[in-house]
Amino acid sequence: MARQNYGFEKRQRELKKNKKKEEKRQKKLERNGSADAPDNEHDAPGDAQAPATDEQDTPS
């Protein structure tokens, strides 16, 4: 008997949830007519980027 692939099932649930969330966000943008709403799609906890530093403005 084959084993259940729980990792695959979980990934499929996550993809479905994210798709539904994105569709809801798009509907909300269309309803509000706001093109400058923040895009939180890429704000996952592991995706944080360090702020860019401008070395020319830092005092020596």
Protein backbone atom coordinates (compact mmCIF):
# COMPACT_ATOMS: atom_id res chain seq x y z
CA MET A 1 0.00 0.00 0.00
CA ALA A 2 1.32 3.46 -0.90
CA ARG A 3 2.06 5.98 1.79
CA GLN A 4 0.29 9.33 1.98
CA ASN A 5 2.37 12.24 0.79
CA TYR A 6 1.37 14.80 3.41
CA GLY A 7 3.95 17.33 2.23
CA PHE A 8 2.41 17.39 -1.26
CA GLU A 9 -1.11 17.72 0.14
CA LYS A 10 -0.05 20.57 2.40
CA ARG A 11 1.66 22.36 -0.50
CA GLN A 12 -1.48 22.02 -2.62
CA ARG A 13 -3.62 23.47 0.20
CA GLU A 14 -1.19 26.39 0.59
CA LEU A 15 -1.22 27.10 -3.16
CA LYS A 16 -5.01 27.03 -3.21
CA LYS A 17 -5.19 29.33 -0.18
CA ASN A 18 -2.69 31.80 -1.69
CA LYS A 19 -4.56 31.81 -5.01
CA LYS A 20 -7.83 32.56 -3.25
CA LYS A 21 -6.17 35.29 -1.19
CA GLU A 22 -4.70 36.90 -4.33
CA GLU A 23 -8.08 36.78 -6.11
CA LYS A 24 -9.71 38.41 -3.09
CA ARG A 25 -7.02 41.12 -3.07
CA GLN A 26 -7.57 41.78 -6.79
CA LYS A 27 -11.35 42.03 -6.28
CA LYS A 28 -10.80 44.46 -3.43
CA LEU A 29 -8.50 46.62 -5.58
CA GLU A 30 -11.06 46.65 -8.39
CA ARG A 31 -13.86 47.53 -5.98
CA ASN A 32 -11.91 50.37 -4.38
CA GLY A 33 -10.35 51.54 -7.64
CA SER A 34 -7.11 52.06 -5.77
CA ALA A 35 -3.96 51.34 -7.75
CA ASP A 36 -1.61 52.40 -4.95
CA ALA A 37 -2.65 49.78 -2.39
CA PRO A 38 0.32 48.07 -0.73
CA ASP A 39 1.32 44.74 -2.21
CA ASN A 40 1.74 42.35 0.71
CA GLU A 41 2.21 39.31 -1.47
CA HIS A 42 6.00 39.26 -1.01
CA ASP A 43 6.06 40.10 2.71
CA ALA A 44 6.58 36.57 3.95
CA PRO A 45 8.62 36.35 7.19
CA GLY A 46 11.56 34.65 5.46
CA ASP A 47 11.65 37.16 2.61
CA ALA A 48 12.75 40.19 4.61
CA GLN A 49 15.49 42.19 2.94
CA ALA A 50 18.07 44.34 4.66
CA PRO A 51 17.63 48.07 3.96
CA ALA A 52 19.98 49.41 1.33
CA THR A 53 22.69 51.72 2.61
CA ASP A 54 24.17 54.56 0.68
CA GLU A 55 27.87 54.59 1.46
CA GLN A 56 28.40 58.05 0.02
CA ASP A 57 26.20 59.70 2.67
CA THR A 58 27.79 57.98 5.67
CA PRO A 59 30.33 60.10 7.56
CA SER A 60 33.89 58.76 7.67
